[in-house]
C-alpha atoms as a PDB file:
ATOM      1  CA  ALA A   1      22.906 -26.126 -16.870  1.00  0.00           C
ATOM      2  CA  GLY A   2      24.156 -23.487 -14.496  1.00  0.00           C
ATOM      3  CA  LEU A   3      24.688 -19.868 -15.363  1.00  0.00           C
ATOM      4  CA  TYR A   4      28.322 -18.962 -14.832  1.00  0.00           C
ATOM      5  CA  VAL A   5      30.478 -15.965 -15.740  1.00  0.00           C
ATOM      6  CA  LYS A   6      32.768 -18.081 -17.930  1.00  0.00           C
ATOM      7  CA  SER A   7      29.895 -19.482 -19.976  1.00  0.00           C
ATOM      8  CA  VAL A   8      28.354 -16.035 -20.478  1.00  0.00           C
ATOM      9  CA  ILE A   9      31.574 -14.291 -21.502  1.00  0.00           C
ATOM     10  CA  SER A  10      32.372 -17.155 -23.853  1.00  0.00           C
ATOM     11  CA  HIS A  11      28.899 -17.046 -25.405  1.00  0.00           C
ATOM     12  CA  PHE A  12      28.967 -13.277 -25.984  1.00  0.00           C
ATOM     13  CA  GLY A  13      32.681 -12.974 -26.691  1.00  0.00           C
ATOM     14  CA  ILE A  14      33.294 -10.271 -24.081  1.00  0.00           C
ATOM     15  CA  SER A  15      35.679  -9.939 -21.167  1.00  0.00           C
ATOM     16  CA  GLU A  16      34.658 -10.616 -17.581  1.00  0.00           C
ATOM     17  CA  SER A  17      35.270  -6.979 -16.663  1.00  0.00           C
ATOM     18  CA  ARG A  18      32.976  -5.855 -19.506  1.00  0.00           C
ATOM     19  CA  LEU A  19      30.265  -8.275 -18.370  1.00  0.00           C
ATOM     20  CA  GLN A  20      30.542  -7.036 -14.790  1.00  0.00           C
ATOM     21  CA  ALA A  21      30.364  -3.414 -15.945  1.00  0.00           C
ATOM     22  CA  ILE A  22      27.222  -4.116 -17.976  1.00  0.00           C
ATOM     23  CA  PHE A  23      25.543  -5.866 -15.047  1.00  0.00           C
ATOM     24  CA  ARG A  24      26.468  -3.098 -12.606  1.00  0.00           C
ATOM     25  CA  LYS A  25      25.084  -0.470 -14.963  1.00  0.00           C
ATOM     26  CA  LEU A  26      21.812  -2.301 -15.637  1.00  0.00           C
ATOM     27  CA  THR A  27      21.102  -3.942 -12.277  1.00  0.00           C
ATOM     28  CA  HIS A  28      23.343  -2.187  -9.717  1.00  0.00           C
ATOM     29  CA  LYS A  29      24.540  -5.690  -8.802  1.00  0.00           C
ATOM     30  CA  SER A  30      27.464  -7.885  -9.778  1.00  0.00           C
ATOM     31  CA  PHE A  31      26.784 -10.812 -12.076  1.00  0.00           C
ATOM     32  CA  PHE A  32      26.959 -13.181  -9.092  1.00  0.00           C
ATOM     33  CA  GLU A  33      24.594 -11.027  -6.994  1.00  0.00           C
ATOM     34  CA  TYR A  34      22.101 -10.831  -9.845  1.00  0.00           C
ATOM     35  CA  VAL A  35      22.124 -14.572 -10.536  1.00  0.00           C
ATOM     36  CA  GLU A  36      21.810 -15.353  -6.830  1.00  0.00           C
ATOM     37  CA  SER A  37      18.899 -12.923  -6.430  1.00  0.00           C
ATOM     38  CA  GLN A  38      17.053 -14.578  -9.313  1.00  0.00           C
ATOM     39  CA  ARG A  39      17.715 -18.041  -7.912  1.00  0.00           C
ATOM     40  CA  MET A  40      16.555 -16.966  -4.452  1.00  0.00           C
ATOM     41  CA  GLU A  41      13.328 -15.441  -5.791  1.00  0.00           C
ATOM     42  CA  LEU A  42      12.554 -18.801  -7.361  1.00  0.00           C
ATOM     43  CA  ALA A  43      13.622 -20.663  -4.213  1.00  0.00           C
ATOM     44  CA  GLU A  44      11.340 -18.546  -2.043  1.00  0.00           C
ATOM     45  CA  ARG A  45       8.343 -19.209  -4.306  1.00  0.00           C
ATOM     46  CA  LEU A  46       9.017 -22.934  -4.403  1.00  0.00           C
ATOM     47  CA  VAL A  47       9.635 -23.239  -0.666  1.00  0.00           C
ATOM     48  CA  CYS A  48       6.539 -21.250   0.279  1.00  0.00           C
ATOM     49  CA  HIS A  49       4.062 -22.336  -2.384  1.00  0.00           C
ATOM     50  CA  THR A  50       4.876 -25.956  -3.215  1.00  0.00           C
ATOM     51  CA  HIS A  51       5.438 -29.185  -1.367  1.00  0.00           C
ATOM     52  CA  HIS A  52       8.506 -30.072  -3.443  1.00  0.00           C
ATOM     53  CA  PRO A  53      11.289 -31.572  -1.347  1.00  0.00           C
ATOM     54  CA  ILE A  54      14.057 -29.084  -0.569  1.00  0.00           C
ATOM     55  CA  THR A  55      16.529 -31.379  -2.343  1.00  0.00           C
ATOM     56  CA  ASP A  56      14.517 -30.985  -5.573  1.00  0.00           C
ATOM     57  CA  ILE A  57      14.311 -27.200  -5.108  1.00  0.00           C
ATOM     58  CA  VAL A  58      18.105 -27.043  -4.771  1.00  0.00           C
ATOM     59  CA  ALA A  59      18.588 -28.452  -8.274  1.00  0.00           C
ATOM     60  CA  GLU A  60      15.659 -26.520  -9.762  1.00  0.00           C
ATOM     61  CA  CYS A  61      17.254 -23.264  -8.589  1.00  0.00           C
ATOM     62  CA  GLY A  62      20.601 -24.089 -10.194  1.00  0.00           C
ATOM     63  CA  TYR A  63      22.606 -25.113  -7.145  1.00  0.00           C
ATOM     64  CA  THR A  64      24.859 -28.134  -7.305  1.00  0.00           C
ATOM     65  CA  THR A  65      25.101 -28.778  -3.566  1.00  0.00           C
ATOM     66  CA  LEU A  66      22.639 -28.616  -0.704  1.00  0.00           C
ATOM     67  CA  ASN A  67      25.234 -26.784   1.388  1.00  0.00           C
ATOM     68  CA  SER A  68      25.684 -23.921  -1.095  1.00  0.00           C
ATOM     69  CA  PHE A  69      21.890 -23.583  -1.410  1.00  0.00           C
ATOM     70  CA  TYR A  70      21.400 -23.439   2.367  1.00  0.00           C
ATOM     71  CA  LYS A  71      24.155 -20.837   2.776  1.00  0.00           C
ATOM     72  CA  ALA A  72      22.677 -18.643   0.034  1.00  0.00           C
ATOM     73  CA  PHE A  73      19.143 -19.065   1.397  1.00  0.00           C
ATOM     74  CA  ARG A  74      20.149 -18.126   4.941  1.00  0.00           C
ATOM     75  CA  ARG A  75      22.247 -15.198   3.631  1.00  0.00           C
ATOM     76  CA  ASN A  76      19.247 -13.851   1.723  1.00  0.00           C
ATOM     77  CA  PHE A  77      16.379 -14.596   4.109  1.00  0.00           C
ATOM     78  CA  GLY A  78      17.972 -15.062   7.528  1.00  0.00           C
ATOM     79  CA  VAL A  79      16.267 -18.436   8.059  1.00  0.00           C
ATOM     80  CA  SER A  80      16.550 -21.959   6.707  1.00  0.00           C
ATOM     81  CA  PRO A  81      14.237 -23.138   3.911  1.00  0.00           C
ATOM     82  CA  SER A  82      12.379 -25.445   6.304  1.00  0.00           C
ATOM     83  CA  THR A  83      11.781 -22.599   8.773  1.00  0.00           C
ATOM     84  CA  MET A  84      10.453 -20.383   5.986  1.00  0.00           C
ATOM     85  CA  ARG A  85       8.204 -23.207   4.774  1.00  0.00           C
ATOM     86  CA  LYS A  86       6.772 -23.702   8.279  1.00  0.00           C
ATOM     87  CA  LYS A  87       6.079 -19.970   8.640  1.00  0.00           C
ATOM     88  CA  ALA A  88       4.459 -19.829   5.176  1.00  0.00           C
ATOM     89  CA  SER A  89       2.234 -22.813   5.961  1.00  0.00           C
ATOM     90  CA  ARG A  90       1.017 -21.051   9.111  1.00  0.00           C
ATOM     91  CA  GLY A  91       0.328 -17.878   7.125  1.00  0.00           C
ATOM     92  CA  LEU A  92       2.956 -15.770   8.887  1.00  0.00           C
END
């Protein structure tokens, strides 16, 4: 299951603004930025150190669509997953 603001605020019984304030104080990031950074750390490890198909990595990192994964990956790393995988396999 995905990690979403609504599910977290419902689970802890706090407002969205309170959740965002807590995340900013602890991580210096918004909830969305923090979740995306965690997902992208995992994505980078899986892309560079496994032979799992990108479509499997998308789901394993909590994305529901290939398009949203690719946009987030490019936003964070400046390259596509396949380009990063090629560079990693060459030891660059």
